[in-house]
Amino acid sequence: MNKNQISIVFNSFFVILAVLFSTNVSGQQNYVIDNSNHFWDKVQFGGGLGLGFGSGYTNISVMPSAIYNVNEVVAVGAGLQFGYLYQKNYYESFVWGGSLIGLVNPIPEIQLSAELEQVRVDTQYEATFNFPSYSDSYWNTALYLGAGYRTKNVTIGGRYDVLYNPNKSLYGSGFMPFVRVYF
């Protein structure tokens, strides 16, 4: 990506955030004394768990997250990501990091999302007959824009990493289907 494309992506991200965090302004003030704490009533926890095993292959990922429902339309949250990937006689990789997410439900059945993910990738490649062993460590930044069908606490959809770089991305494609569950 060139400098102009990166600028457009970040400007678009900040416009999305501004829309997500905008509120209605009222000309009157209502003073209500409420001693109950409703914060935790608006928090939902969820995340993902991935396990893959094969002949000489292991893939384990744990991705807990939490969102705060600002209102019936907007939710914001954060998540963590931990992963381990191993391919016998080829490589071993550790991934860890976090993400910020904004969710908008224009109607109850549709969920739009923007997720900024920053993960550290540490990979150790084993020597082969063509190449010596070496390691590669880098930070990977992804900005996912997505949409999905929502029913109660489950959303099924797809998202696309607008910063996708096939040479440095953690994943093989910029598009990724997802199942999102919050309790």
N, C-alpha and C. Protein backbone atom coordinates (compact mmCIF):
# COMPACT_ATOMS: atom_id res chain seq x y z
N MET A 1 0.85 -1.18 0.00
CA MET A 1 0.00 0.00 0.00
C MET A 1 0.89 1.24 0.00
N ASN A 2 0.48 2.22 -0.79
CA ASN A 2 1.25 3.45 -0.76
C ASN A 2 0.72 4.37 0.34
N LYS A 3 1.41 5.49 0.52
CA LYS A 3 1.09 6.40 1.61
C LYS A 3 -0.32 6.97 1.49
N ASN A 4 -0.77 7.25 0.28
CA ASN A 4 -2.10 7.80 0.05
C ASN A 4 -3.18 6.78 0.41
N GLN A 5 -2.99 5.51 0.05
CA GLN A 5 -3.97 4.47 0.38
C GLN A 5 -4.05 4.26 1.89
N ILE A 6 -2.91 4.29 2.58
CA ILE A 6 -2.91 4.13 4.03
C ILE A 6 -3.65 5.28 4.68
N SER A 7 -3.43 6.48 4.18
CA SER A 7 -4.12 7.67 4.71
C SER A 7 -5.62 7.54 4.53
N ILE A 8 -6.08 7.06 3.38
CA ILE A 8 -7.50 6.89 3.11
C ILE A 8 -8.10 5.85 4.06
N VAL A 9 -7.38 4.75 4.29
CA VAL A 9 -7.88 3.69 5.18
C VAL A 9 -8.02 4.23 6.60
N PHE A 10 -6.99 4.93 7.10
CA PHE A 10 -7.06 5.44 8.47
C PHE A 10 -8.12 6.52 8.60
N ASN A 11 -8.27 7.38 7.60
CA ASN A 11 -9.34 8.38 7.65
C ASN A 11 -10.71 7.72 7.68
N SER A 12 -10.89 6.68 6.87
CA SER A 12 -12.16 5.95 6.86
C SER A 12 -12.42 5.30 8.21
N PHE A 13 -11.38 4.75 8.83
CA PHE A 13 -11.52 4.12 10.14
C PHE A 13 -11.98 5.14 11.18
N PHE A 14 -11.39 6.34 11.16
CA PHE A 14 -11.76 7.35 12.15
C PHE A 14 -13.17 7.89 11.90
N VAL A 15 -13.60 7.95 10.65
CA VAL A 15 -14.99 8.34 10.37
C VAL A 15 -15.95 7.29 10.92
N ILE A 16 -15.61 6.02 10.74
CA ILE A 16 -16.45 4.93 11.28
C ILE A 16 -16.51 5.04 12.80
N LEU A 17 -15.36 5.27 13.45
CA LEU A 17 -15.35 5.42 14.90
C LEU A 17 -16.18 6.61 15.35
N ALA A 18 -16.11 7.73 14.61
CA ALA A 18 -16.89 8.91 14.97
C ALA A 18 -18.39 8.61 14.90
N VAL A 19 -18.80 7.88 13.88
CA VAL A 19 -20.21 7.51 13.75
C VAL A 19 -20.62 6.57 14.88
N LEU A 20 -19.74 5.62 15.22
CA LEU A 20 -20.05 4.67 16.28
C LEU A 20 -20.21 5.35 17.63
N PHE A 21 -19.41 6.38 17.88
CA PHE A 21 -19.41 7.01 19.19
C PHE A 21 -20.26 8.28 19.25
N SER A 22 -20.92 8.64 18.17
CA SER A 22 -21.74 9.85 18.19
C SER A 22 -23.00 9.60 19.01
N THR A 23 -23.49 10.67 19.63
CA THR A 23 -24.69 10.57 20.44
C THR A 23 -25.64 11.70 20.07
N ASN A 24 -26.91 11.54 20.45
CA ASN A 24 -27.88 12.60 20.22
C ASN A 24 -27.72 13.67 21.27
N VAL A 25 -27.90 14.93 20.88
CA VAL A 25 -27.80 16.05 21.80
C VAL A 25 -29.21 16.48 22.15
N SER A 26 -29.46 16.72 23.42
CA SER A 26 -30.78 17.11 23.88
C SER A 26 -30.70 18.49 24.50
N GLY A 27 -31.74 19.30 24.32
CA GLY A 27 -31.77 20.65 24.86
C GLY A 27 -32.20 20.70 26.31
N GLN A 28 -32.59 19.61 26.89
CA GLN A 28 -33.03 19.59 28.28
C GLN A 28 -32.18 18.61 29.06
N GLN A 29 -32.07 18.88 30.36
CA GLN A 29 -31.35 17.96 31.22
C GLN A 29 -32.35 17.30 32.16
N ASN A 30 -32.22 16.03 32.29
CA ASN A 30 -33.04 15.28 33.23
C ASN A 30 -32.13 14.75 34.32
N TYR A 31 -32.45 15.08 35.56
CA TYR A 31 -31.65 14.60 36.67
C TYR A 31 -32.37 13.43 37.31
N VAL A 32 -31.73 12.28 37.24
CA VAL A 32 -32.29 11.07 37.80
C VAL A 32 -31.25 10.48 38.75
N ILE A 33 -31.65 10.23 39.96
CA ILE A 33 -30.75 9.60 40.91
C ILE A 33 -31.01 8.10 40.86
N ASP A 34 -29.97 7.37 40.47
CA ASP A 34 -30.07 5.93 40.33
C ASP A 34 -28.86 5.31 41.00
N ASN A 35 -29.06 4.66 42.11
CA ASN A 35 -27.96 4.08 42.87
C ASN A 35 -27.54 2.71 42.37
N SER A 36 -28.26 2.14 41.43
CA SER A 36 -27.89 0.81 40.93
C SER A 36 -26.80 0.95 39.86
N ASN A 37 -25.99 -0.06 39.73
CA ASN A 37 -24.92 -0.05 38.75
C ASN A 37 -25.36 -0.89 37.56
N HIS A 38 -25.62 -0.23 36.43
CA HIS A 38 -26.09 -0.93 35.22
C HIS A 38 -24.95 -1.25 34.25
N PHE A 39 -23.74 -0.86 34.61
CA PHE A 39 -22.61 -1.09 33.70
C PHE A 39 -22.50 -2.57 33.34
N TRP A 40 -22.45 -3.44 34.34
CA TRP A 40 -22.25 -4.86 34.09
C TRP A 40 -23.45 -5.52 33.42
N ASP A 41 -24.62 -4.88 33.51
CA ASP A 41 -25.79 -5.40 32.78
C ASP A 41 -25.63 -5.24 31.28
N LYS A 42 -24.76 -4.32 30.85
CA LYS A 42 -24.57 -4.04 29.43
C LYS A 42 -23.31 -4.69 28.86
N VAL A 43 -22.60 -5.45 29.68
CA VAL A 43 -21.37 -6.11 29.24
C VAL A 43 -21.68 -7.54 28.84
N GLN A 44 -21.12 -7.96 27.71
CA GLN A 44 -21.24 -9.34 27.25
C GLN A 44 -19.85 -9.91 27.01
N PHE A 45 -19.67 -11.17 27.35
CA PHE A 45 -18.39 -11.84 27.14
C PHE A 45 -18.55 -12.90 26.07
N GLY A 46 -17.48 -13.13 25.34
CA GLY A 46 -17.51 -14.15 24.30
C GLY A 46 -16.11 -14.41 23.82
N GLY A 47 -16.00 -14.78 22.57
CA GLY A 47 -14.70 -15.02 21.99
C GLY A 47 -14.69 -16.27 21.14
N GLY A 48 -13.49 -16.75 20.92
CA GLY A 48 -13.35 -17.91 20.05
C GLY A 48 -12.32 -18.87 20.59
N LEU A 49 -12.44 -20.11 20.18
CA LEU A 49 -11.51 -21.16 20.53
C LEU A 49 -11.30 -21.99 19.28
N GLY A 50 -10.06 -22.19 18.91
CA GLY A 50 -9.77 -22.98 17.72
C GLY A 50 -8.79 -24.09 18.02
N LEU A 51 -9.10 -25.29 17.56
CA LEU A 51 -8.23 -26.44 17.73
C LEU A 51 -8.15 -27.19 16.41
N GLY A 52 -6.95 -27.45 15.98
CA GLY A 52 -6.76 -28.23 14.76
C GLY A 52 -5.57 -29.16 14.93
N PHE A 53 -5.78 -30.42 14.66
CA PHE A 53 -4.71 -31.41 14.81
C PHE A 53 -4.67 -32.28 13.57
N GLY A 54 -3.49 -32.67 13.18
CA GLY A 54 -3.33 -33.57 12.04
C GLY A 54 -2.01 -34.28 12.16
N SER A 55 -1.62 -34.97 11.14
CA SER A 55 -0.36 -35.69 11.13
C SER A 55 0.80 -34.69 11.12
N GLY A 56 1.39 -34.46 12.27
CA GLY A 56 2.49 -33.52 12.38
C GLY A 56 2.07 -32.07 12.37
N TYR A 57 0.79 -31.81 12.58
CA TYR A 57 0.28 -30.44 12.51
C TYR A 57 -0.55 -30.14 13.75
N THR A 58 -0.34 -28.96 14.35
CA THR A 58 -1.11 -28.52 15.51
C THR A 58 -1.43 -27.04 15.35
N ASN A 59 -2.68 -26.69 15.62
CA ASN A 59 -3.11 -25.30 15.58
C ASN A 59 -4.04 -25.08 16.77
N ILE A 60 -3.64 -24.22 17.70
CA ILE A 60 -4.45 -23.92 18.89
C ILE A 60 -4.58 -22.40 18.99
N SER A 61 -5.80 -21.92 19.14
CA SER A 61 -6.00 -20.49 19.32
C SER A 61 -7.08 -20.23 20.36
N VAL A 62 -6.85 -19.20 21.17
CA VAL A 62 -7.78 -18.78 22.20
C VAL A 62 -7.95 -17.27 22.04
N MET A 63 -9.21 -16.82 21.90
CA MET A 63 -9.48 -15.41 21.62
C MET A 63 -10.64 -14.89 22.48
N PRO A 64 -10.41 -14.62 23.77
CA PRO A 64 -11.49 -14.07 24.60
C PRO A 64 -11.75 -12.60 24.26
N SER A 65 -13.00 -12.17 24.45
CA SER A 65 -13.33 -10.76 24.20
C SER A 65 -14.54 -10.36 25.03
N ALA A 66 -14.74 -9.06 25.12
CA ALA A 66 -15.89 -8.51 25.84
C ALA A 66 -16.35 -7.26 25.10
N ILE A 67 -17.67 -7.05 25.12
CA ILE A 67 -18.23 -5.84 24.52
C ILE A 67 -19.12 -5.14 25.54
N TYR A 68 -19.24 -3.84 25.36
CA TYR A 68 -20.14 -3.03 26.17
C TYR A 68 -21.21 -2.49 25.23
N ASN A 69 -22.47 -2.80 25.51
CA ASN A 69 -23.58 -2.35 24.68
C ASN A 69 -23.95 -0.92 25.09
N VAL A 70 -23.51 0.04 24.28
CA VAL A 70 -23.79 1.45 24.55
C VAL A 70 -25.29 1.68 24.53
N ASN A 71 -25.94 1.10 23.54
CA ASN A 71 -27.40 1.12 23.42
C ASN A 71 -27.80 -0.09 22.57
N GLU A 72 -29.02 -0.14 22.08
CA GLU A 72 -29.48 -1.30 21.30
C GLU A 72 -28.82 -1.38 19.93
N VAL A 73 -28.20 -0.28 19.48
CA VAL A 73 -27.62 -0.24 18.15
C VAL A 73 -26.10 -0.37 18.16
N VAL A 74 -25.43 0.22 19.14
CA VAL A 74 -23.97 0.32 19.15
C VAL A 74 -23.36 -0.44 20.32
N ALA A 75 -22.27 -1.16 20.03
CA ALA A 75 -21.48 -1.83 21.07
C ALA A 75 -20.01 -1.62 20.76
N VAL A 76 -19.20 -1.50 21.80
CA VAL A 76 -17.75 -1.37 21.63
C VAL A 76 -17.08 -2.37 22.56
N GLY A 77 -15.89 -2.81 22.18
CA GLY A 77 -15.24 -3.80 23.03
C GLY A 77 -13.78 -4.01 22.71
N ALA A 78 -13.21 -4.99 23.38
CA ALA A 78 -11.80 -5.33 23.22
C ALA A 78 -11.64 -6.83 23.34
N GLY A 79 -10.56 -7.33 22.77
CA GLY A 79 -10.29 -8.76 22.83
C GLY A 79 -8.81 -9.05 22.89
N LEU A 80 -8.48 -10.25 23.27
CA LEU A 80 -7.11 -10.75 23.29
C LEU A 80 -7.01 -11.93 22.33
N GLN A 81 -5.81 -12.20 21.87
CA GLN A 81 -5.62 -13.32 20.96
C GLN A 81 -4.31 -14.02 21.29
N PHE A 82 -4.38 -15.34 21.42
CA PHE A 82 -3.22 -16.17 21.66
C PHE A 82 -3.29 -17.35 20.70
N GLY A 83 -2.17 -17.66 20.07
CA GLY A 83 -2.19 -18.79 19.14
C GLY A 83 -0.86 -19.52 19.08
N TYR A 84 -0.95 -20.79 18.75
CA TYR A 84 0.22 -21.63 18.56
C TYR A 84 -0.02 -22.46 17.31
N LEU A 85 0.98 -22.46 16.42
CA LEU A 85 0.87 -23.20 15.17
C LEU A 85 2.18 -23.96 14.96
N TYR A 86 2.05 -25.25 14.67
CA TYR A 86 3.23 -26.09 14.49
C TYR A 86 3.04 -27.01 13.30
N GLN A 87 4.03 -27.05 12.43
CA GLN A 87 4.06 -27.99 11.31
C GLN A 87 5.37 -28.75 11.40
N LYS A 88 5.29 -30.06 11.64
CA LYS A 88 6.48 -30.89 11.82
C LYS A 88 7.45 -30.72 10.66
N ASN A 89 8.73 -30.57 11.01
CA ASN A 89 9.82 -30.42 10.04
C ASN A 89 9.71 -29.16 9.19
N TYR A 90 8.94 -28.17 9.66
CA TYR A 90 8.82 -26.95 8.87
C TYR A 90 8.90 -25.70 9.75
N TYR A 91 7.92 -25.50 10.67
CA TYR A 91 7.97 -24.29 11.48
C TYR A 91 7.15 -24.44 12.76
N GLU A 92 7.39 -23.49 13.67
CA GLU A 92 6.63 -23.34 14.90
C GLU A 92 6.39 -21.85 15.08
N SER A 93 5.15 -21.48 15.37
CA SER A 93 4.80 -20.06 15.43
C SER A 93 3.94 -19.77 16.65
N PHE A 94 4.22 -18.63 17.28
CA PHE A 94 3.43 -18.12 18.40
C PHE A 94 2.85 -16.77 17.99
N VAL A 95 1.57 -16.57 18.29
CA VAL A 95 0.89 -15.32 17.95
C VAL A 95 0.20 -14.82 19.22
N TRP A 96 0.35 -13.52 19.50
CA TRP A 96 -0.33 -12.93 20.65
C TRP A 96 -0.58 -11.45 20.38
N GLY A 97 -1.66 -10.96 20.92
CA GLY A 97 -1.98 -9.55 20.71
C GLY A 97 -3.38 -9.22 21.18
N GLY A 98 -3.93 -8.16 20.62
CA GLY A 98 -5.25 -7.71 21.03
C GLY A 98 -5.98 -7.00 19.92
N SER A 99 -7.24 -6.63 20.21
CA SER A 99 -8.05 -5.96 19.21
C SER A 99 -9.07 -5.05 19.88
N LEU A 100 -9.50 -4.06 19.13
CA LEU A 100 -10.61 -3.18 19.51
C LEU A 100 -11.70 -3.40 18.49
N ILE A 101 -12.96 -3.44 18.94
CA ILE A 101 -14.05 -3.72 18.02
C ILE A 101 -15.20 -2.76 18.24
N GLY A 102 -15.82 -2.37 17.16
CA GLY A 102 -17.04 -1.58 17.19
C GLY A 102 -18.11 -2.31 16.41
N LEU A 103 -19.29 -2.44 16.99
CA LEU A 103 -20.40 -3.14 16.34
C LEU A 103 -21.59 -2.20 16.21
N VAL A 104 -22.25 -2.24 15.05
CA VAL A 104 -23.45 -1.44 14.82
C VAL A 104 -24.52 -2.38 14.28
N ASN A 105 -25.71 -2.32 14.90
CA ASN A 105 -26.84 -3.12 14.46
C ASN A 105 -27.92 -2.17 13.95
N PRO A 106 -27.88 -1.80 12.66
CA PRO A 106 -28.88 -0.86 12.13
C PRO A 106 -30.30 -1.39 12.26
N ILE A 107 -30.44 -2.70 12.12
CA ILE A 107 -31.67 -3.41 12.45
C ILE A 107 -31.23 -4.64 13.24
N PRO A 108 -32.10 -5.22 14.06
CA PRO A 108 -31.65 -6.32 14.93
C PRO A 108 -30.99 -7.50 14.20
N GLU A 109 -31.36 -7.76 12.97
CA GLU A 109 -30.84 -8.93 12.25
C GLU A 109 -29.51 -8.67 11.54
N ILE A 110 -29.09 -7.43 11.40
CA ILE A 110 -27.87 -7.10 10.66
C ILE A 110 -26.85 -6.48 11.61
N GLN A 111 -25.62 -6.99 11.54
CA GLN A 111 -24.55 -6.43 12.37
C GLN A 111 -23.38 -6.03 11.48
N LEU A 112 -22.97 -4.77 11.57
CA LEU A 112 -21.80 -4.25 10.88
C LEU A 112 -20.69 -4.13 11.90
N SER A 113 -19.45 -4.38 11.49
CA SER A 113 -18.36 -4.34 12.44
C SER A 113 -17.11 -3.70 11.85
N ALA A 114 -16.33 -3.08 12.74
CA ALA A 114 -15.00 -2.58 12.43
C ALA A 114 -14.10 -3.07 13.56
N GLU A 115 -13.01 -3.76 13.20
CA GLU A 115 -12.13 -4.33 14.21
C GLU A 115 -10.68 -4.04 13.85
N LEU A 116 -9.99 -3.40 14.77
CA LEU A 116 -8.56 -3.12 14.61
C LEU A 116 -7.80 -4.14 15.44
N GLU A 117 -6.97 -4.94 14.76
CA GLU A 117 -6.24 -6.02 15.42
C GLU A 117 -4.74 -5.79 15.29
N GLN A 118 -4.02 -5.95 16.41
CA GLN A 118 -2.56 -5.83 16.41
C GLN A 118 -2.01 -7.08 17.09
N VAL A 119 -1.26 -7.89 16.35
CA VAL A 119 -0.72 -9.12 16.91
C VAL A 119 0.78 -9.24 16.62
N ARG A 120 1.46 -9.87 17.51
CA ARG A 120 2.89 -10.18 17.35
C ARG A 120 2.99 -11.60 16.83
N VAL A 121 3.79 -11.79 15.79
CA VAL A 121 3.98 -13.11 15.18
C VAL A 121 5.46 -13.47 15.34
N ASP A 122 5.73 -14.55 16.04
CA ASP A 122 7.10 -15.05 16.22
C ASP A 122 7.16 -16.46 15.64
N THR A 123 7.94 -16.63 14.57
CA THR A 123 7.99 -17.91 13.87
C THR A 123 9.44 -18.38 13.76
N GLN A 124 9.63 -19.65 14.02
CA GLN A 124 10.93 -20.29 13.87
C GLN A 124 10.82 -21.35 12.78
N TYR A 125 11.54 -21.16 11.67
CA TYR A 125 11.52 -22.12 10.56
C TYR A 125 12.69 -23.09 10.71
N GLU A 126 12.42 -24.37 10.51
CA GLU A 126 13.45 -25.39 10.60
C GLU A 126 14.22 -25.47 9.28
N ALA A 127 15.44 -25.95 9.37
CA ALA A 127 16.27 -26.09 8.17
C ALA A 127 15.69 -27.17 7.25
N THR A 128 15.76 -26.91 5.97
CA THR A 128 15.37 -27.91 4.96
C THR A 128 16.56 -28.12 4.04
N PHE A 129 16.43 -29.01 3.08
CA PHE A 129 17.56 -29.27 2.19
C PHE A 129 17.90 -28.06 1.32
N ASN A 130 16.96 -27.13 1.17
CA ASN A 130 17.21 -25.93 0.36
C ASN A 130 17.56 -24.69 1.18
N PHE A 131 17.09 -24.62 2.43
CA PHE A 131 17.24 -23.39 3.21
C PHE A 131 17.72 -23.71 4.63
N PRO A 132 18.54 -22.81 5.20
CA PRO A 132 18.94 -22.99 6.61
C PRO A 132 17.79 -22.56 7.53
N SER A 133 17.88 -22.92 8.80
CA SER A 133 16.83 -22.50 9.74
C SER A 133 16.95 -20.99 9.95
N TYR A 134 15.82 -20.36 10.22
CA TYR A 134 15.81 -18.93 10.50
C TYR A 134 14.52 -18.60 11.25
N SER A 135 14.48 -17.40 11.81
CA SER A 135 13.28 -16.96 12.53
C SER A 135 12.80 -15.65 11.95
N ASP A 136 11.53 -15.39 12.17
CA ASP A 136 10.89 -14.17 11.67
C ASP A 136 9.95 -13.68 12.77
N SER A 137 10.11 -12.43 13.17
CA SER A 137 9.25 -11.84 14.19
C SER A 137 8.80 -10.47 13.69
N TYR A 138 7.50 -10.23 13.77
CA TYR A 138 6.97 -8.95 13.32
C TYR A 138 5.61 -8.69 13.94
N TRP A 139 5.20 -7.43 13.88
CA TRP A 139 3.86 -7.04 14.30
C TRP A 139 2.98 -7.00 13.07
N ASN A 140 1.79 -7.55 13.18
CA ASN A 140 0.83 -7.53 12.07
C ASN A 140 -0.39 -6.71 12.49
N THR A 141 -0.71 -5.71 11.69
CA THR A 141 -1.88 -4.87 11.95
C THR A 141 -2.94 -5.18 10.90
N ALA A 142 -4.16 -5.39 11.36
CA ALA A 142 -5.27 -5.66 10.46
C ALA A 142 -6.44 -4.75 10.83
N LEU A 143 -7.14 -4.26 9.83
CA LEU A 143 -8.35 -3.48 10.03
C LEU A 143 -9.46 -4.20 9.27
N TYR A 144 -10.31 -4.89 10.02
CA TYR A 144 -11.38 -5.68 9.43
C TYR A 144 -12.67 -4.88 9.40
N LEU A 145 -13.31 -4.85 8.25
CA LEU A 145 -14.65 -4.30 8.10
C LEU A 145 -15.54 -5.47 7.73
N GLY A 146 -16.65 -5.63 8.45
CA GLY A 146 -17.46 -6.82 8.22
C GLY A 146 -18.94 -6.59 8.35
N ALA A 147 -19.69 -7.61 7.98
CA ALA A 147 -21.15 -7.60 8.08
C ALA A 147 -21.61 -9.03 8.31
N GLY A 148 -22.72 -9.15 9.05
CA GLY A 148 -23.22 -10.49 9.31
C GLY A 148 -24.69 -10.51 9.66
N TYR A 149 -25.24 -11.69 9.64
CA TYR A 149 -26.63 -11.92 10.04
C TYR A 149 -26.63 -12.26 11.52
N ARG A 150 -27.47 -11.59 12.29
CA ARG A 150 -27.48 -11.75 13.75
C ARG A 150 -28.81 -12.33 14.21
N THR A 151 -28.74 -13.31 15.08
CA THR A 151 -29.91 -13.84 15.75
C THR A 151 -29.56 -14.04 17.21
N LYS A 152 -30.18 -13.26 18.07
CA LYS A 152 -29.90 -13.24 19.52
C LYS A 152 -28.43 -12.96 19.76
N ASN A 153 -27.69 -13.90 20.36
CA ASN A 153 -26.29 -13.67 20.73
C ASN A 153 -25.29 -14.15 19.68
N VAL A 154 -25.76 -14.65 18.55
CA VAL A 154 -24.88 -15.23 17.54
C VAL A 154 -24.96 -14.43 16.25
N THR A 155 -23.78 -14.13 15.68
CA THR A 155 -23.71 -13.46 14.38
C THR A 155 -22.84 -14.31 13.47
N ILE A 156 -23.32 -14.54 12.24
CA ILE A 156 -22.58 -15.28 11.23
C ILE A 156 -22.38 -14.34 10.05
N GLY A 157 -21.12 -14.21 9.62
CA GLY A 157 -20.87 -13.29 8.51
C GLY A 157 -19.47 -13.40 7.97
N GLY A 158 -19.03 -12.30 7.36
CA GLY A 158 -17.70 -12.24 6.78
C GLY A 158 -17.09 -10.88 7.05
N ARG A 159 -15.78 -10.85 7.04
CA ARG A 159 -15.06 -9.59 7.24
C ARG A 159 -13.86 -9.56 6.31
N TYR A 160 -13.40 -8.35 6.00
CA TYR A 160 -12.28 -8.18 5.08
C TYR A 160 -11.24 -7.26 5.70
N ASP A 161 -9.99 -7.67 5.65
CA ASP A 161 -8.88 -6.86 6.15
C ASP A 161 -8.48 -5.86 5.07
N VAL A 162 -8.83 -4.58 5.27
CA VAL A 162 -8.52 -3.57 4.26
C VAL A 162 -7.03 -3.23 4.23
N LEU A 163 -6.26 -3.70 5.22
CA LEU A 163 -4.80 -3.51 5.22
C LEU A 163 -4.06 -4.76 4.78
N TYR A 164 -4.77 -5.72 4.22
CA TYR A 164 -4.19 -7.02 3.88
C TYR A 164 -2.97 -6.87 2.96
N ASN A 165 -1.88 -7.55 3.35
CA ASN A 165 -0.65 -7.60 2.56
C ASN A 165 -0.29 -9.07 2.43
N PRO A 166 -0.37 -9.64 1.24
CA PRO A 166 -0.12 -11.08 1.10
C PRO A 166 1.29 -11.50 1.50
N ASN A 167 2.24 -10.58 1.53
CA ASN A 167 3.61 -10.91 1.90
C ASN A 167 3.85 -10.91 3.40
N LYS A 168 3.02 -10.22 4.19
CA LYS A 168 3.25 -10.13 5.63
C LYS A 168 2.03 -10.48 6.47
N SER A 169 0.91 -10.71 5.87
CA SER A 169 -0.30 -10.97 6.63
C SER A 169 -0.20 -12.30 7.35
N LEU A 170 -0.84 -12.35 8.47
CA LEU A 170 -0.90 -13.57 9.27
C LEU A 170 -1.73 -14.65 8.57
N TYR A 171 -2.69 -14.24 7.75
CA TYR A 171 -3.62 -15.17 7.12
C TYR A 171 -3.39 -15.23 5.61
N GLY A 172 -3.88 -16.26 4.99
CA GLY A 172 -3.68 -16.47 3.56
C GLY A 172 -4.57 -15.64 2.67
N SER A 173 -5.58 -14.98 3.25
CA SER A 173 -6.52 -14.18 2.46
C SER A 173 -6.98 -12.99 3.30
N GLY A 174 -7.38 -11.92 2.63
CA GLY A 174 -7.92 -10.76 3.33
C GLY A 174 -9.35 -10.98 3.80
N PHE A 175 -10.07 -11.89 3.15
CA PHE A 175 -11.45 -12.20 3.51
C PHE A 175 -11.48 -13.34 4.52
N MET A 176 -12.35 -13.21 5.52
CA MET A 176 -12.44 -14.24 6.55
C MET A 176 -13.89 -14.38 7.02
N PRO A 177 -14.47 -15.56 6.90
CA PRO A 177 -15.80 -15.78 7.49
C PRO A 177 -15.67 -15.83 9.01
N PHE A 178 -16.76 -15.55 9.72
CA PHE A 178 -16.71 -15.59 11.17
C PHE A 178 -18.04 -16.03 11.77
N VAL A 179 -17.96 -16.55 12.99
CA VAL A 179 -19.11 -16.79 13.84
C VAL A 179 -18.78 -16.08 15.15
N ARG A 180 -19.59 -15.11 15.52
CA ARG A 180 -19.34 -14.30 16.71
C ARG A 180 -20.43 -14.61 17.74
N VAL A 181 -20.03 -14.98 18.97
CA VAL A 181 -20.99 -15.33 20.01
C VAL A 181 -20.66 -14.51 21.27
N TYR A 182 -21.68 -13.86 21.83
CA TYR A 182 -21.53 -13.12 23.09
C TYR A 182 -22.65 -13.52 24.04
N PHE A 183 -22.28 -13.73 25.30
CA PHE A 183 -23.26 -14.12 26.32
C PHE A 183 -23.45 -13.00 27.31
